[in-house]
PDB file of N, CA and C in Angstrom:
ATOM      1  N   MET A   1      -9.200 -70.134  39.508  1.00  0.00           N
ATOM      2  CA  MET A   1      -7.879 -69.539  38.866  1.00  0.00           C
ATOM      3  C   MET A   1      -6.937 -71.075  38.186  1.00  0.00           C
ATOM      4  N   THR A   2      -6.687 -71.021  37.292  1.00  0.00           N
ATOM      5  CA  THR A   2      -5.562 -71.686  36.976  1.00  0.00           C
ATOM      6  C   THR A   2      -4.588 -71.920  37.658  1.00  0.00           C
ATOM      7  N   THR A   3      -3.438 -72.953  37.711  1.00  0.00           N
ATOM      8  CA  THR A   3      -2.187 -73.075  38.296  1.00  0.00           C
ATOM      9  C   THR A   3      -1.466 -73.551  37.682  1.00  0.00           C
ATOM     10  N   TYR A   4      -0.414 -72.843  37.503  1.00  0.00           N
ATOM     11  CA  TYR A   4       0.933 -72.865  35.840  1.00  0.00           C
ATOM     12  C   TYR A   4       2.250 -72.949  37.217  1.00  0.00           C
ATOM     13  N   ILE A   5       3.157 -73.362  36.575  1.00  0.00           N
ATOM     14  CA  ILE A   5       4.972 -73.440  36.892  1.00  0.00           C
ATOM     15  C   ILE A   5       5.400 -73.115  36.097  1.00  0.00           C
ATOM     16  N   MET A   6       6.271 -72.286  36.771  1.00  0.00           N
ATOM     17  CA  MET A   6       7.621 -71.657  35.932  1.00  0.00           C
ATOM     18  C   MET A   6       8.596 -72.335  35.768  1.00  0.00           C
ATOM     19  N   LEU A   7       9.251 -72.777  34.906  1.00  0.00           N
ATOM     20  CA  LEU A   7      10.465 -72.680  35.459  1.00  0.00           C
ATOM     21  C   LEU A   7      11.953 -71.603  35.377  1.00  0.00           C
ATOM     22  N   ALA A   8      12.878 -71.050  35.224  1.00  0.00           N
ATOM     23  CA  ALA A   8      13.412 -70.279  35.267  1.00  0.00           C
ATOM     24  C   ALA A   8      14.869 -69.899  35.556  1.00  0.00           C
ATOM     25  N   ASN A   9      15.314 -69.330  33.889  1.00  0.00           N
ATOM     26  CA  ASN A   9      17.024 -69.635  34.459  1.00  0.00           C
ATOM     27  C   ASN A   9      17.411 -68.108  34.125  1.00  0.00           C
ATOM     28  N   TRP A  10      17.843 -67.744  34.858  1.00  0.00           N
ATOM     29  CA  TRP A  10      18.938 -66.081  34.654  1.00  0.00           C
ATOM     30  C   TRP A  10      19.377 -65.798  33.176  1.00  0.00           C
ATOM     31  N   THR A  11      19.372 -64.591  32.480  1.00  0.00           N
ATOM     32  CA  THR A  11      20.297 -64.676  31.598  1.00  0.00           C
ATOM     33  C   THR A  11      21.498 -64.355  31.698  1.00  0.00           C
ATOM     34  N   ASP A  12      22.261 -63.546  30.819  1.00  0.00           N
ATOM     35  CA  ASP A  12      23.261 -63.333  31.340  1.00  0.00           C
ATOM     36  C   ASP A  12      23.588 -62.044  32.301  1.00  0.00           C
ATOM     37  N   GLN A  13      22.559 -61.188  31.780  1.00  0.00           N
ATOM     38  CA  GLN A  13      21.818 -60.146  32.075  1.00  0.00           C
ATOM     39  C   GLN A  13      20.968 -60.510  33.858  1.00  0.00           C
ATOM     40  N   GLY A  14      20.624 -60.483  33.564  1.00  0.00           N
ATOM     41  CA  GLY A  14      19.997 -61.335  35.370  1.00  0.00           C
ATOM     42  C   GLY A  14      21.120 -61.183  36.304  1.00  0.00           C
ATOM     43  N   ALA A  15      22.059 -62.932  35.514  1.00  0.00           N
ATOM     44  CA  ALA A  15      23.135 -63.325  36.507  1.00  0.00           C
ATOM     45  C   ALA A  15      24.296 -62.247  36.487  1.00  0.00           C
ATOM     46  N   ARG A  16      24.684 -61.676  36.604  1.00  0.00           N
ATOM     47  CA  ARG A  16      25.608 -60.609  35.851  1.00  0.00           C
ATOM     48  C   ARG A  16      24.622 -59.370  37.532  1.00  0.00           C
ATOM     49  N   ALA A  17      23.054 -58.902  37.367  1.00  0.00           N
ATOM     50  CA  ALA A  17      22.485 -58.267  38.581  1.00  0.00           C
ATOM     51  C   ALA A  17      22.074 -59.103  39.725  1.00  0.00           C
ATOM     52  N   VAL A  18      22.578 -60.497  39.783  1.00  0.00           N
ATOM     53  CA  VAL A  18      21.707 -61.364  40.402  1.00  0.00           C
ATOM     54  C   VAL A  18      21.856 -60.975  42.029  1.00  0.00           C
ATOM     55  N   ASN A  19      22.372 -59.728  42.878  1.00  0.00           N
ATOM     56  CA  ASN A  19      22.123 -59.312  44.012  1.00  0.00           C
ATOM     57  C   ASN A  19      20.759 -58.424  43.677  1.00  0.00           C
ATOM     58  N   ASP A  20      20.306 -57.941  42.355  1.00  0.00           N
ATOM     59  CA  ASP A  20      19.194 -57.037  42.310  1.00  0.00           C
ATOM     60  C   ASP A  20      17.880 -58.035  42.437  1.00  0.00           C
ATOM     61  N   SER A  21      17.870 -59.196  41.963  1.00  0.00           N
ATOM     62  CA  SER A  21      17.215 -60.703  42.135  1.00  0.00           C
ATOM     63  C   SER A  21      15.911 -60.500  43.529  1.00  0.00           C
ATOM     64  N   PRO A  22      15.847 -60.439  44.555  1.00  0.00           N
ATOM     65  CA  PRO A  22      14.715 -60.247  45.126  1.00  0.00           C
ATOM     66  C   PRO A  22      14.043 -59.126  45.139  1.00  0.00           C
ATOM     67  N   ARG A  23      14.157 -58.065  44.744  1.00  0.00           N
ATOM     68  CA  ARG A  23      13.814 -56.743  44.423  1.00  0.00           C
ATOM     69  C   ARG A  23      12.793 -56.975  42.624  1.00  0.00           C
ATOM     70  N   ARG A  24      13.942 -57.497  42.021  1.00  0.00           N
ATOM     71  CA  ARG A  24      12.787 -58.294  41.074  1.00  0.00           C
ATOM     72  C   ARG A  24      11.820 -59.313  41.391  1.00  0.00           C
ATOM     73  N   PHE A  25      11.966 -59.700  41.824  1.00  0.00           N
ATOM     74  CA  PHE A  25      11.036 -60.700  42.330  1.00  0.00           C
ATOM     75  C   PHE A  25       9.702 -60.183  42.735  1.00  0.00           C
ATOM     76  N   ASP A  26      10.221 -59.169  43.511  1.00  0.00           N
ATOM     77  CA  ASP A  26       8.682 -58.871  44.442  1.00  0.00           C
ATOM     78  C   ASP A  26       8.583 -57.989  43.349  1.00  0.00           C
ATOM     79  N   THR A  27       9.032 -57.289  42.146  1.00  0.00           N
ATOM     80  CA  THR A  27       8.482 -56.322  41.169  1.00  0.00           C
ATOM     81  C   THR A  27       7.072 -57.457  40.224  1.00  0.00           C
ATOM     82  N   ALA A  28       7.612 -58.497  40.325  1.00  0.00           N
ATOM     83  CA  ALA A  28       7.521 -59.994  39.312  1.00  0.00           C
ATOM     84  C   ALA A  28       5.725 -59.917  40.181  1.00  0.00           C
ATOM     85  N   ARG A  29       5.816 -60.384  41.594  1.00  0.00           N
ATOM     86  CA  ARG A  29       5.110 -60.506  42.369  1.00  0.00           C
ATOM     87  C   ARG A  29       3.690 -59.317  42.686  1.00  0.00           C
ATOM     88  N   LYS A  30       4.156 -58.117  42.732  1.00  0.00           N
ATOM     89  CA  LYS A  30       3.110 -56.926  42.498  1.00  0.00           C
ATOM     90  C   LYS A  30       2.790 -56.915  41.038  1.00  0.00           C
ATOM     91  N   LEU A  31       3.309 -57.350  39.575  1.00  0.00           N
ATOM     92  CA  LEU A  31       2.286 -57.372  38.884  1.00  0.00           C
ATOM     93  C   LEU A  31       1.650 -58.071  38.319  1.00  0.00           C
ATOM     94  N   LEU A  32       2.274 -59.495  38.710  1.00  0.00           N
ATOM     95  CA  LEU A  32       0.854 -60.996  38.453  1.00  0.00           C
ATOM     96  C   LEU A  32       0.045 -60.238  39.683  1.00  0.00           C
ATOM     97  N   GLU A  33       0.335 -59.842  40.317  1.00  0.00           N
ATOM     98  CA  GLU A  33      -1.329 -59.756  42.130  1.00  0.00           C
ATOM     99  C   GLU A  33      -2.265 -58.869  40.856  1.00  0.00           C
ATOM    100  N   ASP A  34      -1.352 -57.475  40.201  1.00  0.00           N
ATOM    101  CA  ASP A  34      -2.085 -56.659  39.986  1.00  0.00           C
ATOM    102  C   ASP A  34      -3.517 -57.194  37.969  1.00  0.00           C
ATOM    103  N   MET A  35      -2.045 -58.332  38.005  1.00  0.00           N
ATOM    104  CA  MET A  35      -3.143 -58.867  36.779  1.00  0.00           C
ATOM    105  C   MET A  35      -4.546 -59.702  37.479  1.00  0.00           C
ATOM    106  N   GLY A  36      -4.362 -59.919  38.757  1.00  0.00           N
ATOM    107  CA  GLY A  36      -5.511 -60.975  39.180  1.00  0.00           C
ATOM    108  C   GLY A  36      -4.479 -61.776  39.584  1.00  0.00           C
ATOM    109  N   GLY A  37      -3.498 -62.146  39.392  1.00  0.00           N
ATOM    110  CA  GLY A  37      -3.156 -63.589  39.943  1.00  0.00           C
ATOM    111  C   GLY A  37      -2.207 -63.853  40.922  1.00  0.00           C
ATOM    112  N   ARG A  38      -1.927 -64.719  42.441  1.00  0.00           N
ATOM    113  CA  ARG A  38      -0.598 -64.889  42.609  1.00  0.00           C
ATOM    114  C   ARG A  38       0.408 -66.160  43.406  1.00  0.00           C
ATOM    115  N   PHE A  39       1.198 -65.778  43.436  1.00  0.00           N
ATOM    116  CA  PHE A  39       2.269 -66.712  43.565  1.00  0.00           C
ATOM    117  C   PHE A  39       2.013 -67.285  44.407  1.00  0.00           C
ATOM    118  N   GLN A  40       1.787 -69.007  44.498  1.00  0.00           N
ATOM    119  CA  GLN A  40       1.652 -69.810  45.328  1.00  0.00           C
ATOM    120  C   GLN A  40       3.258 -70.134  45.987  1.00  0.00           C
ATOM    121  N   ALA A  41       4.155 -70.591  45.029  1.00  0.00           N
ATOM    122  CA  ALA A  41       5.501 -71.256  46.140  1.00  0.00           C
ATOM    123  C   ALA A  41       6.784 -70.362  44.901  1.00  0.00           C
ATOM    124  N   PHE A  42       8.012 -70.211  45.908  1.00  0.00           N
ATOM    125  CA  PHE A  42       9.297 -69.741  44.993  1.00  0.00           C
ATOM    126  C   PHE A  42      10.370 -70.197  45.278  1.00  0.00           C
ATOM    127  N   TYR A  43      11.067 -71.198  44.159  1.00  0.00           N
ATOM    128  CA  TYR A  43      12.451 -71.902  44.867  1.00  0.00           C
ATOM    129  C   TYR A  43      13.201 -71.484  44.126  1.00  0.00           C
ATOM    130  N   MET A  44      14.807 -71.269  45.026  1.00  0.00           N
ATOM    131  CA  MET A  44      15.878 -71.159  43.894  1.00  0.00           C
ATOM    132  C   MET A  44      16.310 -72.466  43.801  1.00  0.00           C
ATOM    133  N   THR A  45      16.538 -72.747  42.699  1.00  0.00           N
ATOM    134  CA  THR A  45      16.974 -74.498  42.410  1.00  0.00           C
ATOM    135  C   THR A  45      18.527 -74.566  41.930  1.00  0.00           C
ATOM    136  N   MET A  46      19.122 -75.808  42.418  1.00  0.00           N
ATOM    137  CA  MET A  46      20.169 -76.630  41.487  1.00  0.00           C
ATOM    138  C   MET A  46      19.781 -77.578  40.664  1.00  0.00           C
ATOM    139  N   GLY A  47      20.652 -76.856  39.047  1.00  0.00           N
ATOM    140  CA  GLY A  47      20.731 -77.844  38.068  1.00  0.00           C
ATOM    141  C   GLY A  47      20.231 -77.139  36.917  1.00  0.00           C
ATOM    142  N   GLU A  48      19.211 -77.588  36.347  1.00  0.00           N
ATOM    143  CA  GLU A  48      19.126 -77.274  34.895  1.00  0.00           C
ATOM    144  C   GLU A  48      18.068 -75.502  34.744  1.00  0.00           C
ATOM    145  N   TYR A  49      17.277 -75.469  36.107  1.00  0.00           N
ATOM    146  CA  TYR A  49      16.925 -73.997  36.335  1.00  0.00           C
ATOM    147  C   TYR A  49      17.030 -73.436  37.545  1.00  0.00           C
ATOM    148  N   ASP A  50      17.102 -72.598  37.246  1.00  0.00           N
ATOM    149  CA  ASP A  50      17.662 -71.477  38.225  1.00  0.00           C
ATOM    150  C   ASP A  50      16.478 -71.215  39.521  1.00  0.00           C
ATOM    151  N   THR A  51      15.483 -70.613  38.748  1.00  0.00           N
ATOM    152  CA  THR A  51      14.362 -71.139  40.218  1.00  0.00           C
ATOM    153  C   THR A  51      12.813 -71.829  39.323  1.00  0.00           C
ATOM    154  N   ILE A  52      12.028 -71.843  40.186  1.00  0.00           N
ATOM    155  CA  ILE A  52      10.692 -72.766  40.101  1.00  0.00           C
ATOM    156  C   ILE A  52       9.850 -71.995  40.428  1.00  0.00           C
ATOM    157  N   VAL A  53       8.650 -71.434  39.937  1.00  0.00           N
ATOM    158  CA  VAL A  53       7.704 -70.248  40.737  1.00  0.00           C
ATOM    159  C   VAL A  53       6.660 -70.809  39.636  1.00  0.00           C
ATOM    160  N   ILE A  54       5.459 -71.175  41.549  1.00  0.00           N
ATOM    161  CA  ILE A  54       4.054 -71.686  41.344  1.00  0.00           C
ATOM    162  C   ILE A  54       3.567 -70.617  41.266  1.00  0.00           C
ATOM    163  N   TYR A  55       2.343 -70.758  40.524  1.00  0.00           N
ATOM    164  CA  TYR A  55       1.338 -69.643  40.127  1.00  0.00           C
ATOM    165  C   TYR A  55      -0.033 -69.547  39.518  1.00  0.00           C
ATOM    166  N   GLU A  56      -0.790 -68.573  39.846  1.00  0.00           N
ATOM    167  CA  GLU A  56      -2.019 -69.037  39.350  1.00  0.00           C
ATOM    168  C   GLU A  56      -2.675 -67.688  39.407  1.00  0.00           C
ATOM    169  N   ALA A  57      -2.886 -67.727  38.445  1.00  0.00           N
ATOM    170  CA  ALA A  57      -3.544 -66.547  37.150  1.00  0.00           C
ATOM    171  C   ALA A  57      -5.112 -67.071  36.576  1.00  0.00           C
ATOM    172  N   PRO A  58      -5.508 -66.034  36.769  1.00  0.00           N
ATOM    173  CA  PRO A  58      -7.616 -65.825  35.945  1.00  0.00           C
ATOM    174  C   PRO A  58      -7.171 -66.807  34.075  1.00  0.00           C
ATOM    175  N   ASP A  59      -6.964 -66.653  33.400  1.00  0.00           N
ATOM    176  CA  ASP A  59      -6.643 -67.423  32.520  1.00  0.00           C
ATOM    177  C   ASP A  59      -5.148 -67.508  31.467  1.00  0.00           C
ATOM    178  N   ASP A  60      -5.621 -68.506  30.692  1.00  0.00           N
ATOM    179  CA  ASP A  60      -4.233 -68.183  29.816  1.00  0.00           C
ATOM    180  C   ASP A  60      -3.543 -67.193  29.496  1.00  0.00           C
ATOM    181  N   ALA A  61      -4.165 -66.287  29.225  1.00  0.00           N
ATOM    182  CA  ALA A  61      -3.800 -64.871  27.888  1.00  0.00           C
ATOM    183  C   ALA A  61      -3.499 -63.840  29.339  1.00  0.00           C
ATOM    184  N   ILE A  62      -3.627 -64.301  30.817  1.00  0.00           N
ATOM    185  CA  ILE A  62      -3.613 -63.518  31.593  1.00  0.00           C
ATOM    186  C   ILE A  62      -2.024 -63.661  32.259  1.00  0.00           C
ATOM    187  N   ALA A  63      -1.959 -65.632  31.807  1.00  0.00           N
ATOM    188  CA  ALA A  63      -0.282 -65.935  32.174  1.00  0.00           C
ATOM    189  C   ALA A  63       0.647 -65.730  30.823  1.00  0.00           C
ATOM    190  N   ALA A  64       0.738 -65.885  30.105  1.00  0.00           N
ATOM    191  CA  ALA A  64       0.880 -65.240  28.904  1.00  0.00           C
ATOM    192  C   ALA A  64       2.007 -64.211  28.902  1.00  0.00           C
ATOM    193  N   ARG A  65       0.530 -63.226  29.059  1.00  0.00           N
ATOM    194  CA  ARG A  65       0.930 -62.021  29.332  1.00  0.00           C
ATOM    195  C   ARG A  65       1.784 -61.519  30.773  1.00  0.00           C
ATOM    196  N   PHE A  66       1.714 -62.137  31.298  1.00  0.00           N
ATOM    197  CA  PHE A  66       2.464 -61.939  32.687  1.00  0.00           C
ATOM    198  C   PHE A  66       4.259 -62.615  32.142  1.00  0.00           C
ATOM    199  N   THR A  67       4.183 -63.994  31.488  1.00  0.00           N
ATOM    200  CA  THR A  67       5.491 -64.512  30.812  1.00  0.00           C
ATOM    201  C   THR A  67       5.909 -63.542  30.012  1.00  0.00           C
ATOM    202  N   LEU A  68       5.457 -62.792  28.912  1.00  0.00           N
ATOM    203  CA  LEU A  68       6.576 -61.942  28.007  1.00  0.00           C
ATOM    204  C   LEU A  68       6.309 -60.693  28.827  1.00  0.00           C
ATOM    205  N   MET A  69       5.998 -59.876  29.504  1.00  0.00           N
ATOM    206  CA  MET A  69       6.518 -59.357  30.579  1.00  0.00           C
ATOM    207  C   MET A  69       7.732 -59.141  30.971  1.00  0.00           C
ATOM    208  N   LEU A  70       7.611 -60.569  31.564  1.00  0.00           N
ATOM    209  CA  LEU A  70       8.749 -61.072  32.544  1.00  0.00           C
ATOM    210  C   LEU A  70      10.028 -61.413  31.324  1.00  0.00           C
ATOM    211  N   GLY A  71       9.514 -61.909  30.476  1.00  0.00           N
ATOM    212  CA  GLY A  71      10.853 -61.907  29.170  1.00  0.00           C
ATOM    213  C   GLY A  71      11.455 -60.536  28.580  1.00  0.00           C
ATOM    214  N   ARG A  72      10.596 -60.055  28.434  1.00  0.00           N
ATOM    215  CA  ARG A  72      10.711 -58.448  27.830  1.00  0.00           C
ATOM    216  C   ARG A  72      11.608 -57.385  28.810  1.00  0.00           C
ATOM    217  N   ALA A  73      11.941 -57.767  29.937  1.00  0.00           N
ATOM    218  CA  ALA A  73      12.867 -57.436  31.094  1.00  0.00           C
ATOM    219  C   ALA A  73      14.428 -57.801  30.439  1.00  0.00           C
ATOM    220  N   GLY A  74      14.317 -58.257  30.040  1.00  0.00           N
ATOM    221  CA  GLY A  74      15.619 -59.373  30.208  1.00  0.00           C
ATOM    222  C   GLY A  74      16.825 -60.342  30.806  1.00  0.00           C
ATOM    223  N   ASN A  75      16.351 -60.437  32.750  1.00  0.00           N
ATOM    224  CA  ASN A  75      16.825 -61.238  32.937  1.00  0.00           C
ATOM    225  C   ASN A  75      16.518 -62.695  33.433  1.00  0.00           C
ATOM    226  N   VAL A  76      15.741 -63.288  32.660  1.00  0.00           N
ATOM    227  CA  VAL A  76      15.196 -64.088  32.906  1.00  0.00           C
ATOM    228  C   VAL A  76      14.535 -65.038  31.280  1.00  0.00           C
ATOM    229  N   ARG A  77      14.532 -66.341  31.165  1.00  0.00           N
ATOM    230  CA  ARG A  77      13.978 -66.590  30.247  1.00  0.00           C
ATOM    231  C   ARG A  77      13.447 -67.967  30.862  1.00  0.00           C
ATOM    232  N   THR A  78      11.758 -68.054  30.308  1.00  0.00           N
ATOM    233  CA  THR A  78      10.967 -69.039  31.280  1.00  0.00           C
ATOM    234  C   THR A  78      10.612 -70.319  30.277  1.00  0.00           C
ATOM    235  N   LYS A  79      10.213 -71.340  31.037  1.00  0.00           N
ATOM    236  CA  LYS A  79       9.700 -72.409  30.639  1.00  0.00           C
ATOM    237  C   LYS A  79       7.807 -72.105  31.438  1.00  0.00           C
ATOM    238  N   THR A  80       6.800 -72.048  30.396  1.00  0.00           N
ATOM    239  CA  THR A  80       5.764 -72.284  31.501  1.00  0.00           C
ATOM    240  C   THR A  80       4.866 -73.626  31.140  1.00  0.00           C
ATOM    241  N   LEU A  81       4.542 -73.933  32.067  1.00  0.00           N
ATOM    242  CA  LEU A  81       3.362 -75.194  32.446  1.00  0.00           C
ATOM    243  C   LEU A  81       2.048 -74.886  33.444  1.00  0.00           C
ATOM    244  N   LYS A  82       1.242 -75.783  31.987  1.00  0.00           N
ATOM    245  CA  LYS A  82       0.712 -75.155  32.486  1.00  0.00           C
ATOM    246  C   LYS A  82      -0.469 -76.588  33.655  1.00  0.00           C
ATOM    247  N   ALA A  83      -0.820 -76.304  35.008  1.00  0.00           N
ATOM    248  CA  ALA A  83      -1.055 -77.767  35.713  1.00  0.00           C
ATOM    249  C   ALA A  83      -2.265 -77.634  36.458  1.00  0.00           C
ATOM    250  N   PHE A  84      -2.962 -79.030  35.969  1.00  0.00           N
ATOM    251  CA  PHE A  84      -3.612 -79.674  36.462  1.00  0.00           C
ATOM    252  C   PHE A  84      -3.814 -80.625  38.291  1.00  0.00           C
ATOM    253  N   PRO A  85      -4.817 -79.355  38.632  1.00  0.00           N
ATOM    254  CA  PRO A  85      -4.489 -80.270  40.605  1.00  0.00           C
ATOM    255  C   PRO A  85      -5.195 -82.066  39.893  1.00  0.00           C
ATOM    256  N   GLU A  86      -5.257 -82.664  41.141  1.00  0.00           N
ATOM    257  CA  GLU A  86      -5.729 -83.666  41.060  1.00  0.00           C
ATOM    258  C   GLU A  86      -6.858 -83.787  40.874  1.00  0.00           C
ATOM    259  N   GLN A  87      -8.380 -83.469  41.433  1.00  0.00           N
ATOM    260  CA  GLN A  87      -9.435 -83.197  40.320  1.00  0.00           C
ATOM    261  C   GLN A  87      -9.769 -83.117  39.448  1.00  0.00           C
ATOM    262  N   ALA A  88      -9.299 -82.537  38.632  1.00  0.00           N
ATOM    263  CA  ALA A  88      -9.074 -82.537  37.078  1.00  0.00           C
ATOM    264  C   ALA A  88      -8.701 -83.737  36.027  1.00  0.00           C
ATOM    265  N   TYR A  89      -7.640 -83.742  36.953  1.00  0.00           N
ATOM    266  CA  TYR A  89      -6.204 -85.352  36.619  1.00  0.00           C
ATOM    267  C   TYR A  89      -7.247 -86.849  36.677  1.00  0.00           C
ATOM    268  N   ARG A  90      -8.508 -86.902  37.726  1.00  0.00           N
ATOM    269  CA  ARG A  90      -8.714 -87.739  37.783  1.00  0.00           C
ATOM    270  C   ARG A  90     -10.570 -87.438  36.581  1.00  0.00           C
ATOM    271  N   GLU A  91     -10.875 -86.537  35.553  1.00  0.00           N
ATOM    272  CA  GLU A  91     -11.616 -86.955  35.541  1.00  0.00           C
ATOM    273  C   GLU A  91     -11.046 -86.498  34.393  1.00  0.00           C
ATOM    274  N   ILE A  92     -10.480 -85.499  34.111  1.00  0.00           N
ATOM    275  CA  ILE A  92      -9.281 -86.061  32.529  1.00  0.00           C
ATOM    276  C   ILE A  92      -9.596 -87.987  32.004  1.00  0.00           C
ATOM    277  N   ILE A  93      -8.995 -88.803  32.994  1.00  0.00           N
ATOM    278  CA  ILE A  93      -8.453 -89.772  33.126  1.00  0.00           C
ATOM    279  C   ILE A  93      -9.904 -90.362  33.211  1.00  0.00           C
ATOM    280  N   ASN A  94     -10.934 -90.088  34.052  1.00  0.00           N
ATOM    281  CA  ASN A  94     -11.715 -91.220  34.169  1.00  0.00           C
ATOM    282  C   ASN A  94     -12.880 -91.280  32.898  1.00  0.00           C
ATOM    283  N   SER A  95     -12.965 -89.396  31.981  1.00  0.00           N
ATOM    284  CA  SER A  95     -13.562 -89.397  30.843  1.00  0.00           C
ATOM    285  C   SER A  95     -12.414 -90.295  29.319  1.00  0.00           C
ATOM    286  N   LEU A  96     -11.796 -90.512  30.075  1.00  0.00           N
ATOM    287  CA  LEU A  96     -11.442 -91.454  28.745  1.00  0.00           C
ATOM    288  C   LEU A  96     -11.832 -93.266  28.739  1.00  0.00           C
ATOM    289  N   ALA A  97     -12.801 -93.511  29.323  1.00  0.00           N
ATOM    290  CA  ALA A  97     -13.397 -94.839  29.769  1.00  0.00           C
ATOM    291  C   ALA A  97     -13.977 -95.150  28.620  1.00  0.00           C
TER     292      ALA A  97
END
């Protein structure tokens, strides 16, 4: 599985209904699990982003579909980063030699 880091901000709609955020988060978790992925970590943050989610998905297409489905609901805007674990990082760097 591939790891992704999602940086998210509540939209005006999402902020107005912030009390419902935990339920929306549970719905998102179930959606990703139904696609074959899983959440590894979730953080509410202070600063540029409201939340950070680290998750795994079987491939980029599923990660993209998951992100688009979240955006379509209108409660968050996201930026998603594909993450490379240490071993892959070392292999990539070593291949430069």
